[in-house]
C-alpha atoms as a PDB file:
ATOM      1  CA  UNK A   1      36.474  -8.170 -13.613  1.00  0.00           C
ATOM      2  CA  UNK A   2      36.806 -12.201 -15.005  1.00  0.00           C
ATOM      3  CA  UNK A   3      35.586 -11.464 -18.472  1.00  0.00           C
ATOM      4  CA  UNK A   4      36.563  -7.920 -19.322  1.00  0.00           C
ATOM      5  CA  UNK A   5      36.672  -8.457 -22.934  1.00  0.00           C
ATOM      6  CA  UNK A   6      33.366  -9.893 -22.961  1.00  0.00           C
ATOM      7  CA  UNK A   7      31.989  -6.587 -20.742  1.00  0.00           C
ATOM      8  CA  UNK A   8      33.309  -4.651 -22.656  1.00  0.00           C
ATOM      9  CA  UNK A   9      31.288  -6.216 -25.629  1.00  0.00           C
ATOM     10  CA  UNK A  10      28.631  -5.975 -23.786  1.00  0.00           C
ATOM     11  CA  UNK A  11      28.512  -2.121 -23.502  1.00  0.00           C
ATOM     12  CA  UNK A  12      29.704  -1.165 -27.635  1.00  0.00           C
ATOM     13  CA  UNK A  13      26.083  -3.397 -27.776  1.00  0.00           C
ATOM     14  CA  UNK A  14      24.411  -1.708 -25.428  1.00  0.00           C
ATOM     15  CA  UNK A  15      25.637   1.889 -26.981  1.00  0.00           C
ATOM     16  CA  UNK A  16      23.885   0.756 -29.895  1.00  0.00           C
ATOM     17  CA  UNK A  17      21.029  -0.245 -29.244  1.00  0.00           C
ATOM     18  CA  UNK A  18      20.269   3.230 -27.290  1.00  0.00           C
ATOM     19  CA  UNK A  19      21.852   4.963 -29.612  1.00  0.00           C
ATOM     20  CA  UNK A  20      19.658   3.277 -32.567  1.00  0.00           C
ATOM     21  CA  UNK A  21      16.565   4.246 -30.576  1.00  0.00           C
ATOM     22  CA  UNK A  22      17.969   8.013 -30.529  1.00  0.00           C
ATOM     23  CA  UNK A  23      18.254   7.758 -26.858  1.00  0.00           C
ATOM     24  CA  UNK A  24      20.626   9.628 -24.394  1.00  0.00           C
ATOM     25  CA  UNK A  25      22.396   8.339 -21.591  1.00  0.00           C
ATOM     26  CA  UNK A  26      19.945   9.779 -19.744  1.00  0.00           C
ATOM     27  CA  UNK A  27      17.215   8.611 -21.588  1.00  0.00           C
ATOM     28  CA  UNK A  28      17.562   4.958 -21.005  1.00  0.00           C
ATOM     29  CA  UNK A  29      18.317   5.926 -17.172  1.00  0.00           C
ATOM     30  CA  UNK A  30      15.272   7.012 -16.409  1.00  0.00           C
ATOM     31  CA  UNK A  31      13.161   4.380 -18.992  1.00  0.00           C
ATOM     32  CA  UNK A  32      15.381   2.084 -17.021  1.00  0.00           C
ATOM     33  CA  UNK A  33      14.905   3.621 -13.808  1.00  0.00           C
ATOM     34  CA  UNK A  34      19.085   3.372 -12.930  1.00  0.00           C
ATOM     35  CA  UNK A  35      21.471   6.663 -12.679  1.00  0.00           C
ATOM     36  CA  UNK A  36      23.158   7.908 -15.354  1.00  0.00           C
ATOM     37  CA  UNK A  37      26.086   6.778 -14.364  1.00  0.00           C
ATOM     38  CA  UNK A  38      24.985   3.038 -14.678  1.00  0.00           C
ATOM     39  CA  UNK A  39      24.791   3.056 -18.289  1.00  0.00           C
ATOM     40  CA  UNK A  40      28.053   5.279 -19.107  1.00  0.00           C
ATOM     41  CA  UNK A  41      30.629   2.445 -16.881  1.00  0.00           C
ATOM     42  CA  UNK A  42      28.231   0.120 -18.022  1.00  0.00           C
ATOM     43  CA  UNK A  43      28.301   1.865 -21.501  1.00  0.00           C
ATOM     44  CA  UNK A  44      32.215   2.258 -20.889  1.00  0.00           C
ATOM     45  CA  UNK A  45      32.489  -1.412 -19.340  1.00  0.00           C
ATOM     46  CA  UNK A  46      33.824  -0.198 -15.943  1.00  0.00           C
ATOM     47  CA  UNK A  47      31.716  -1.887 -13.823  1.00  0.00           C
ATOM     48  CA  UNK A  48      28.777  -5.042 -14.814  1.00  0.00           C
ATOM     49  CA  UNK A  49      25.235  -4.746 -14.568  1.00  0.00           C
ATOM     50  CA  UNK A  50      23.843  -6.738 -12.520  1.00  0.00           C
ATOM     51  CA  UNK A  51      20.491  -9.543 -13.193  1.00  0.00           C
ATOM     52  CA  UNK A  52      18.418  -6.731 -11.868  1.00  0.00           C
ATOM     53  CA  UNK A  53      19.254  -3.949 -13.989  1.00  0.00           C
ATOM     54  CA  UNK A  54      19.854  -6.614 -17.011  1.00  0.00           C
ATOM     55  CA  UNK A  55      15.808  -6.287 -16.156  1.00  0.00           C
ATOM     56  CA  UNK A  56      15.508  -3.585 -16.003  1.00  0.00           C
ATOM     57  CA  UNK A  57      17.851  -2.408 -19.268  1.00  0.00           C
ATOM     58  CA  UNK A  58      16.072  -4.681 -21.111  1.00  0.00           C
ATOM     59  CA  UNK A  59      12.366  -3.805 -20.410  1.00  0.00           C
ATOM     60  CA  UNK A  60      13.579   0.476 -20.666  1.00  0.00           C
ATOM     61  CA  UNK A  61      14.731  -1.191 -23.888  1.00  0.00           C
ATOM     62  CA  UNK A  62      11.443  -3.521 -25.109  1.00  0.00           C
ATOM     63  CA  UNK A  63      13.928  -6.170 -25.596  1.00  0.00           C
ATOM     64  CA  UNK A  64      13.588  -9.452 -24.675  1.00  0.00           C
ATOM     65  CA  UNK A  65      16.731  -9.923 -21.786  1.00  0.00           C
ATOM     66  CA  UNK A  66      17.848 -13.098 -23.995  1.00  0.00           C
ATOM     67  CA  UNK A  67      18.028 -10.574 -27.643  1.00  0.00           C
ATOM     68  CA  UNK A  68      19.738  -8.199 -24.764  1.00  0.00           C
ATOM     69  CA  UNK A  69      22.222 -10.365 -23.849  1.00  0.00           C
ATOM     70  CA  UNK A  70      22.735 -12.027 -27.332  1.00  0.00           C
ATOM     71  CA  UNK A  71      26.262 -10.156 -28.666  1.00  0.00           C
ATOM     72  CA  UNK A  72      29.152 -11.374 -30.137  1.00  0.00           C
ATOM     73  CA  UNK A  73      32.582 -10.303 -28.388  1.00  0.00           C
ATOM     74  CA  UNK A  74      34.100 -10.230 -31.517  1.00  0.00           C
ATOM     75  CA  UNK A  75      32.368  -6.709 -31.630  1.00  0.00           C
ATOM     76  CA  UNK A  76      35.731  -5.201 -29.186  1.00  0.00           C
ATOM     77  CA  UNK A  77      38.191  -3.959 -30.997  1.00  0.00           C
END
């Protein structure tokens, strides 16, 4: 993985967006039409999402893709 800090920061960002909506990982996975394991892996920085998955997540969260990927690496502890 070339940018582990970014992958971790994105996972935290996605988790925050999901929890703000009161959704479980399964709910987000269902809305985005991806596997729950995909959401888990992203949130726990076990892998980087593909563009296809990012688009699906943005649509599920009703956000522009630009806003979904607008996160600060500084949020990582």
